[in-house]
Amino acid sequence: MRHEDLNTPILNQSTEHPFPKREPIKHLLIGSPKAVNSTIHYLQVIGYASVGDWSPLLPTANPGEFMSILSRQILMQ
């Protein structure tokens, strides 16, 4: 290796995807409180998101219908 090579920073060894990019995504569950909570717990069981990551149940404009939101940053390839 030449001396000048040691002083040259390596900016990018792969020109295709130099740095992983993260993008926000929101999941929205809408349904009865039982259905929404059941789905939230199932997603925790399979390791996707913890129960505490979801918003509290919020009523929608429809009687008996509720929603919960999960915001995540996902890695884009």
PDB file of N, CA and C in Angstrom:
ATOM      1  N   MET A   1       0.852  -1.179   0.000  1.00  0.00           N
ATOM      2  CA  MET A   1       0.000   0.000   0.000  1.00  0.00           C
ATOM      3  C   MET A   1       0.894   1.236   0.000  1.00  0.00           C
ATOM      4  N   ARG A   2       0.546   2.202  -0.797  1.00  0.00           N
ATOM      5  CA  ARG A   2       1.334   3.434  -0.873  1.00  0.00           C
ATOM      6  C   ARG A   2       0.970   4.361   0.273  1.00  0.00           C
ATOM      7  N   HIS A   3       1.876   5.262   0.611  1.00  0.00           N
ATOM      8  CA  HIS A   3       1.666   6.209   1.702  1.00  0.00           C
ATOM      9  C   HIS A   3       0.440   7.077   1.466  1.00  0.00           C
ATOM     10  N   GLU A   4       0.260   7.539   0.225  1.00  0.00           N
ATOM     11  CA  GLU A   4      -0.893   8.400  -0.050  1.00  0.00           C
ATOM     12  C   GLU A   4      -2.215   7.644   0.089  1.00  0.00           C
ATOM     13  N   ASP A   5      -2.205   6.317  -0.088  1.00  0.00           N
ATOM     14  CA  ASP A   5      -3.404   5.518   0.108  1.00  0.00           C
ATOM     15  C   ASP A   5      -3.841   5.521   1.569  1.00  0.00           C
ATOM     16  N   LEU A   6      -2.897   5.585   2.470  1.00  0.00           N
ATOM     17  CA  LEU A   6      -3.219   5.580   3.902  1.00  0.00           C
ATOM     18  C   LEU A   6      -3.910   6.864   4.336  1.00  0.00           C
ATOM     19  N   ASN A   7      -3.655   7.945   3.642  1.00  0.00           N
ATOM     20  CA  ASN A   7      -4.225   9.240   4.015  1.00  0.00           C
ATOM     21  C   ASN A   7      -5.518   9.557   3.273  1.00  0.00           C
ATOM     22  N   THR A   8      -5.911   8.720   2.360  1.00  0.00           N
ATOM     23  CA  THR A   8      -7.125   8.952   1.591  1.00  0.00           C
ATOM     24  C   THR A   8      -8.279   8.221   2.266  1.00  0.00           C
ATOM     25  N   PRO A   9      -9.290   8.950   2.719  1.00  0.00           N
ATOM     26  CA  PRO A   9     -10.415   8.265   3.363  1.00  0.00           C
ATOM     27  C   PRO A   9     -11.179   7.404   2.366  1.00  0.00           C
ATOM     28  N   ILE A  10     -11.624   6.272   2.851  1.00  0.00           N
ATOM     29  CA  ILE A  10     -12.446   5.398   2.020  1.00  0.00           C
ATOM     30  C   ILE A  10     -13.888   5.830   2.232  1.00  0.00           C
ATOM     31  N   LEU A  11     -14.466   6.433   1.215  1.00  0.00           N
ATOM     32  CA  LEU A  11     -15.820   6.952   1.345  1.00  0.00           C
ATOM     33  C   LEU A  11     -16.868   5.906   1.025  1.00  0.00           C
ATOM     34  N   ASN A  12     -16.567   5.054   0.077  1.00  0.00           N
ATOM     35  CA  ASN A  12     -17.602   4.147  -0.385  1.00  0.00           C
ATOM     36  C   ASN A  12     -16.964   2.972  -1.108  1.00  0.00           C
ATOM     37  N   GLN A  13     -17.056   1.803  -0.508  1.00  0.00           N
ATOM     38  CA  GLN A  13     -16.517   0.635  -1.183  1.00  0.00           C
ATOM     39  C   GLN A  13     -17.558   0.007  -2.097  1.00  0.00           C
ATOM     40  N   SER A  14     -18.814   0.237  -1.831  1.00  0.00           N
ATOM     41  CA  SER A  14     -19.881  -0.276  -2.676  1.00  0.00           C
ATOM     42  C   SER A  14     -20.708   0.910  -3.162  1.00  0.00           C
ATOM     43  N   THR A  15     -20.741   1.107  -4.445  1.00  0.00           N
ATOM     44  CA  THR A  15     -21.482   2.256  -4.965  1.00  0.00           C
ATOM     45  C   THR A  15     -22.977   1.999  -5.017  1.00  0.00           C
ATOM     46  N   GLU A  16     -23.390   0.738  -4.840  1.00  0.00           N
ATOM     47  CA  GLU A  16     -24.812   0.427  -4.945  1.00  0.00           C
ATOM     48  C   GLU A  16     -25.598   0.966  -3.748  1.00  0.00           C
ATOM     49  N   HIS A  17     -25.235   0.598  -2.530  1.00  0.00           N
ATOM     50  CA  HIS A  17     -25.914   1.048  -1.320  1.00  0.00           C
ATOM     51  C   HIS A  17     -24.862   1.315  -0.243  1.00  0.00           C
ATOM     52  N   PRO A  18     -24.299   2.519  -0.208  1.00  0.00           N
ATOM     53  CA  PRO A  18     -23.210   2.774   0.739  1.00  0.00           C
ATOM     54  C   PRO A  18     -23.653   2.712   2.203  1.00  0.00           C
ATOM     55  N   PHE A  19     -24.834   3.197   2.513  1.00  0.00           N
ATOM     56  CA  PHE A  19     -25.319   3.201   3.886  1.00  0.00           C
ATOM     57  C   PHE A  19     -26.743   2.681   3.909  1.00  0.00           C
ATOM     58  N   PRO A  20     -27.062   1.842   4.876  1.00  0.00           N
ATOM     59  CA  PRO A  20     -28.459   1.382   4.975  1.00  0.00           C
ATOM     60  C   PRO A  20     -29.382   2.585   5.192  1.00  0.00           C
ATOM     61  N   LYS A  21     -30.493   2.585   4.523  1.00  0.00           N
ATOM     62  CA  LYS A  21     -31.446   3.684   4.640  1.00  0.00           C
ATOM     63  C   LYS A  21     -32.645   3.218   5.444  1.00  0.00           C
ATOM     64  N   ARG A  22     -33.069   4.056   6.366  1.00  0.00           N
ATOM     65  CA  ARG A  22     -34.244   3.741   7.166  1.00  0.00           C
ATOM     66  C   ARG A  22     -35.388   4.655   6.739  1.00  0.00           C
ATOM     67  N   GLU A  23     -36.570   4.084   6.688  1.00  0.00           N
ATOM     68  CA  GLU A  23     -37.761   4.857   6.344  1.00  0.00           C
ATOM     69  C   GLU A  23     -38.836   4.610   7.383  1.00  0.00           C
ATOM     70  N   PRO A  24     -39.612   5.647   7.688  1.00  0.00           N
ATOM     71  CA  PRO A  24     -40.701   5.447   8.645  1.00  0.00           C
ATOM     72  C   PRO A  24     -41.867   4.706   7.998  1.00  0.00           C
ATOM     73  N   ILE A  25     -42.521   3.896   8.793  1.00  0.00           N
ATOM     74  CA  ILE A  25     -43.735   3.206   8.354  1.00  0.00           C
ATOM     75  C   ILE A  25     -44.682   3.173   9.542  1.00  0.00           C
ATOM     76  N   LYS A  26     -45.965   3.268   9.262  1.00  0.00           N
ATOM     77  CA  LYS A  26     -46.977   3.214  10.320  1.00  0.00           C
ATOM     78  C   LYS A  26     -47.928   2.061  10.040  1.00  0.00           C
ATOM     79  N   HIS A  27     -48.183   1.286  11.076  1.00  0.00           N
ATOM     80  CA  HIS A  27     -49.168   0.210  11.013  1.00  0.00           C
ATOM     81  C   HIS A  27     -50.410   0.689  11.735  1.00  0.00           C
ATOM     82  N   LEU A  28     -51.551   0.453  11.170  1.00  0.00           N
ATOM     83  CA  LEU A  28     -52.808   0.884  11.761  1.00  0.00           C
ATOM     84  C   LEU A  28     -53.733  -0.319  11.867  1.00  0.00           C
ATOM     85  N   LEU A  29     -54.131  -0.620  13.095  1.00  0.00           N
ATOM     86  CA  LEU A  29     -55.108  -1.684  13.333  1.00  0.00           C
ATOM     87  C   LEU A  29     -56.436  -1.033  13.658  1.00  0.00           C
ATOM     88  N   ILE A  30     -57.486  -1.481  13.011  1.00  0.00           N
ATOM     89  CA  ILE A  30     -58.823  -0.944  13.247  1.00  0.00           C
ATOM     90  C   ILE A  30     -59.778  -2.113  13.435  1.00  0.00           C
ATOM     91  N   GLY A  31     -60.562  -2.050  14.502  1.00  0.00           N
ATOM     92  CA  GLY A  31     -61.543  -3.094  14.758  1.00  0.00           C
ATOM     93  C   GLY A  31     -62.105  -2.969  16.160  1.00  0.00           C
ATOM     94  N   SER A  32     -62.716  -4.041  16.622  1.00  0.00           N
ATOM     95  CA  SER A  32     -63.221  -4.032  17.996  1.00  0.00           C
ATOM     96  C   SER A  32     -62.030  -4.004  18.947  1.00  0.00           C
ATOM     97  N   PRO A  33     -62.227  -3.527  20.164  1.00  0.00           N
ATOM     98  CA  PRO A  33     -61.103  -3.532  21.116  1.00  0.00           C
ATOM     99  C   PRO A  33     -60.498  -4.927  21.281  1.00  0.00           C
ATOM    100  N   LYS A  34     -61.347  -5.953  21.301  1.00  0.00           N
ATOM    101  CA  LYS A  34     -60.855  -7.318  21.463  1.00  0.00           C
ATOM    102  C   LYS A  34     -59.983  -7.737  20.273  1.00  0.00           C
ATOM    103  N   ALA A  35     -60.435  -7.437  19.063  1.00  0.00           N
ATOM    104  CA  ALA A  35     -59.678  -7.821  17.864  1.00  0.00           C
ATOM    105  C   ALA A  35     -58.351  -7.072  17.776  1.00  0.00           C
ATOM    106  N   VAL A  36     -58.376  -5.789  18.078  1.00  0.00           N
ATOM    107  CA  VAL A  36     -57.148  -4.991  18.013  1.00  0.00           C
ATOM    108  C   VAL A  36     -56.157  -5.478  19.066  1.00  0.00           C
ATOM    109  N   ASN A  37     -56.619  -5.641  20.301  1.00  0.00           N
ATOM    110  CA  ASN A  37     -55.717  -6.108  21.368  1.00  0.00           C
ATOM    111  C   ASN A  37     -55.188  -7.509  21.087  1.00  0.00           C
ATOM    112  N   SER A  38     -56.027  -8.382  20.563  1.00  0.00           N
ATOM    113  CA  SER A  38     -55.601  -9.731  20.229  1.00  0.00           C
ATOM    114  C   SER A  38     -54.487  -9.714  19.179  1.00  0.00           C
ATOM    115  N   THR A  39     -54.643  -8.874  18.172  1.00  0.00           N
ATOM    116  CA  THR A  39     -53.633  -8.769  17.119  1.00  0.00           C
ATOM    117  C   THR A  39     -52.335  -8.194  17.660  1.00  0.00           C
ATOM    118  N   ILE A  40     -52.423  -7.183  18.505  1.00  0.00           N
ATOM    119  CA  ILE A  40     -51.240  -6.587  19.120  1.00  0.00           C
ATOM    120  C   ILE A  40     -50.475  -7.645  19.919  1.00  0.00           C
ATOM    121  N   HIS A  41     -51.191  -8.452  20.691  1.00  0.00           N
ATOM    122  CA  HIS A  41     -50.533  -9.493  21.482  1.00  0.00           C
ATOM    123  C   HIS A  41     -49.935 -10.576  20.587  1.00  0.00           C
ATOM    124  N   TYR A  42     -50.624 -10.924  19.511  1.00  0.00           N
ATOM    125  CA  TYR A  42     -50.080 -11.909  18.579  1.00  0.00           C
ATOM    126  C   TYR A  42     -48.784 -11.396  17.946  1.00  0.00           C
ATOM    127  N   LEU A  43     -48.761 -10.131  17.553  1.00  0.00           N
ATOM    128  CA  LEU A  43     -47.553  -9.561  16.955  1.00  0.00           C
ATOM    129  C   LEU A  43     -46.390  -9.549  17.938  1.00  0.00           C
ATOM    130  N   GLN A  44     -46.694  -9.462  19.235  1.00  0.00           N
ATOM    131  CA  GLN A  44     -45.628  -9.566  20.234  1.00  0.00           C
ATOM    132  C   GLN A  44     -45.135 -11.014  20.327  1.00  0.00           C
ATOM    133  N   VAL A  45     -46.057 -11.964  20.321  1.00  0.00           N
ATOM    134  CA  VAL A  45     -45.690 -13.384  20.416  1.00  0.00           C
ATOM    135  C   VAL A  45     -44.757 -13.790  19.273  1.00  0.00           C
ATOM    136  N   ILE A  46     -45.011 -13.301  18.061  1.00  0.00           N
ATOM    137  CA  ILE A  46     -44.156 -13.667  16.929  1.00  0.00           C
ATOM    138  C   ILE A  46     -42.910 -12.786  16.831  1.00  0.00           C
ATOM    139  N   GLY A  47     -42.758 -11.853  17.782  1.00  0.00           N
ATOM    140  CA  GLY A  47     -41.535 -11.060  17.855  1.00  0.00           C
ATOM    141  C   GLY A  47     -41.495  -9.834  16.973  1.00  0.00           C
ATOM    142  N   TYR A  48     -42.645  -9.401  16.469  1.00  0.00           N
ATOM    143  CA  TYR A  48     -42.635  -8.234  15.582  1.00  0.00           C
ATOM    144  C   TYR A  48     -42.602  -6.913  16.337  1.00  0.00           C
ATOM    145  N   ALA A  49     -43.434  -6.777  17.361  1.00  0.00           N
ATOM    146  CA  ALA A  49     -43.492  -5.516  18.115  1.00  0.00           C
ATOM    147  C   ALA A  49     -44.015  -5.794  19.509  1.00  0.00           C
ATOM    148  N   SER A  50     -43.478  -5.094  20.471  1.00  0.00           N
ATOM    149  CA  SER A  50     -43.939  -5.229  21.850  1.00  0.00           C
ATOM    150  C   SER A  50     -45.289  -4.541  22.020  1.00  0.00           C
ATOM    151  N   VAL A  51     -46.050  -5.033  22.962  1.00  0.00           N
ATOM    152  CA  VAL A  51     -47.366  -4.442  23.252  1.00  0.00           C
ATOM    153  C   VAL A  51     -47.217  -2.951  23.552  1.00  0.00           C
ATOM    154  N   GLY A  52     -46.183  -2.583  24.288  1.00  0.00           N
ATOM    155  CA  GLY A  52     -45.965  -1.184  24.670  1.00  0.00           C
ATOM    156  C   GLY A  52     -45.580  -0.267  23.527  1.00  0.00           C
ATOM    157  N   ASP A  53     -45.268  -0.835  22.355  1.00  0.00           N
ATOM    158  CA  ASP A  53     -44.904  -0.008  21.201  1.00  0.00           C
ATOM    159  C   ASP A  53     -46.118   0.616  20.514  1.00  0.00           C
ATOM    160  N   TRP A  54     -47.294   0.064  20.775  1.00  0.00           N
ATOM    161  CA  TRP A  54     -48.527   0.530  20.133  1.00  0.00           C
ATOM    162  C   TRP A  54     -49.142   1.679  20.910  1.00  0.00           C
ATOM    163  N   SER A  55     -49.881   2.514  20.209  1.00  0.00           N
ATOM    164  CA  SER A  55     -50.609   3.600  20.893  1.00  0.00           C
ATOM    165  C   SER A  55     -51.746   2.988  21.709  1.00  0.00           C
ATOM    166  N   PRO A  56     -52.236   3.737  22.687  1.00  0.00           N
ATOM    167  CA  PRO A  56     -53.452   3.275  23.374  1.00  0.00           C
ATOM    168  C   PRO A  56     -54.600   3.187  22.364  1.00  0.00           C
ATOM    169  N   LEU A  57     -55.608   2.405  22.687  1.00  0.00           N
ATOM    170  CA  LEU A  57     -56.775   2.308  21.801  1.00  0.00           C
ATOM    171  C   LEU A  57     -57.444   3.672  21.681  1.00  0.00           C
ATOM    172  N   LEU A  58     -57.720   4.048  20.456  1.00  0.00           N
ATOM    173  CA  LEU A  58     -58.371   5.322  20.170  1.00  0.00           C
ATOM    174  C   LEU A  58     -59.680   5.045  19.456  1.00  0.00           C
ATOM    175  N   PRO A  59     -60.773   5.683  19.874  1.00  0.00           N
ATOM    176  CA  PRO A  59     -62.044   5.447  19.184  1.00  0.00           C
ATOM    177  C   PRO A  59     -62.018   6.049  17.782  1.00  0.00           C
ATOM    178  N   THR A  60     -62.695   5.375  16.852  1.00  0.00           N
ATOM    179  CA  THR A  60     -62.869   5.934  15.509  1.00  0.00           C
ATOM    180  C   THR A  60     -64.245   6.607  15.466  1.00  0.00           C
ATOM    181  N   ALA A  61     -64.621   7.067  14.298  1.00  0.00           N
ATOM    182  CA  ALA A  61     -65.934   7.706  14.144  1.00  0.00           C
ATOM    183  C   ALA A  61     -67.068   6.678  14.169  1.00  0.00           C
ATOM    184  N   ASN A  62     -66.736   5.406  14.027  1.00  0.00           N
ATOM    185  CA  ASN A  62     -67.749   4.355  14.009  1.00  0.00           C
ATOM    186  C   ASN A  62     -67.959   3.787  15.412  1.00  0.00           C
ATOM    187  N   PRO A  63     -69.195   3.661  15.850  1.00  0.00           N
ATOM    188  CA  PRO A  63     -69.474   3.128  17.191  1.00  0.00           C
ATOM    189  C   PRO A  63     -68.889   1.723  17.375  1.00  0.00           C
ATOM    190  N   GLY A  64     -68.213   1.526  18.499  1.00  0.00           N
ATOM    191  CA  GLY A  64     -67.641   0.226  18.842  1.00  0.00           C
ATOM    192  C   GLY A  64     -66.348  -0.110  18.122  1.00  0.00           C
ATOM    193  N   GLU A  65     -65.841   0.812  17.321  1.00  0.00           N
ATOM    194  CA  GLU A  65     -64.618   0.577  16.557  1.00  0.00           C
ATOM    195  C   GLU A  65     -63.478   1.401  17.141  1.00  0.00           C
ATOM    196  N   PHE A  66     -62.315   0.771  17.262  1.00  0.00           N
ATOM    197  CA  PHE A  66     -61.145   1.432  17.842  1.00  0.00           C
ATOM    198  C   PHE A  66     -59.944   1.187  16.943  1.00  0.00           C
ATOM    199  N   MET A  67     -58.914   2.002  17.152  1.00  0.00           N
ATOM    200  CA  MET A  67     -57.685   1.833  16.383  1.00  0.00           C
ATOM    201  C   MET A  67     -56.473   1.979  17.285  1.00  0.00           C
ATOM    202  N   SER A  68     -55.383   1.427  16.829  1.00  0.00           N
ATOM    203  CA  SER A  68     -54.095   1.574  17.495  1.00  0.00           C
ATOM    204  C   SER A  68     -53.047   1.713  16.407  1.00  0.00           C
ATOM    205  N   ILE A  69     -52.034   2.525  16.669  1.00  0.00           N
ATOM    206  CA  ILE A  69     -51.020   2.847  15.672  1.00  0.00           C
ATOM    207  C   ILE A  69     -49.644   2.437  16.189  1.00  0.00           C
ATOM    208  N   LEU A  70     -48.844   1.879  15.290  1.00  0.00           N
ATOM    209  CA  LEU A  70     -47.448   1.547  15.576  1.00  0.00           C
ATOM    210  C   LEU A  70     -46.597   2.246  14.548  1.00  0.00           C
ATOM    211  N   SER A  71     -45.639   3.044  15.001  1.00  0.00           N
ATOM    212  CA  SER A  71     -44.695   3.718  14.097  1.00  0.00           C
ATOM    213  C   SER A  71     -43.341   3.030  14.233  1.00  0.00           C
ATOM    214  N   ARG A  72     -42.746   2.674  13.113  1.00  0.00           N
ATOM    215  CA  ARG A  72     -41.444   2.004  13.108  1.00  0.00           C
ATOM    216  C   ARG A  72     -40.544   2.649  12.071  1.00  0.00           C
ATOM    217  N   GLN A  73     -39.260   2.409  12.211  1.00  0.00           N
ATOM    218  CA  GLN A  73     -38.278   2.743  11.183  1.00  0.00           C
ATOM    219  C   GLN A  73     -37.816   1.415  10.610  1.00  0.00           C
ATOM    220  N   ILE A  74     -38.000   1.216   9.307  1.00  0.00           N
ATOM    221  CA  ILE A  74     -37.590  -0.036   8.702  1.00  0.00           C
ATOM    222  C   ILE A  74     -36.368   0.184   7.819  1.00  0.00           C
ATOM    223  N   LEU A  75     -35.561  -0.836   7.729  1.00  0.00           N
ATOM    224  CA  LEU A  75     -34.355  -0.792   6.922  1.00  0.00           C
ATOM    225  C   LEU A  75     -34.703  -1.087   5.473  1.00  0.00           C
ATOM    226  N   MET A  76     -34.344  -0.185   4.594  1.00  0.00           N
ATOM    227  CA  MET A  76     -34.601  -0.361   3.159  1.00  0.00           C
ATOM    228  C   MET A  76     -33.348  -0.884   2.487  1.00  0.00           C
ATOM    229  N   GLN A  77     -33.506  -1.821   1.598  1.00  0.00           N
ATOM    230  CA  GLN A  77     -32.367  -2.418   0.885  1.00  0.00           C
ATOM    231  C   GLN A  77     -32.188  -1.763  -0.461  1.00  0.00           C
TER     232      GLN A  77
END
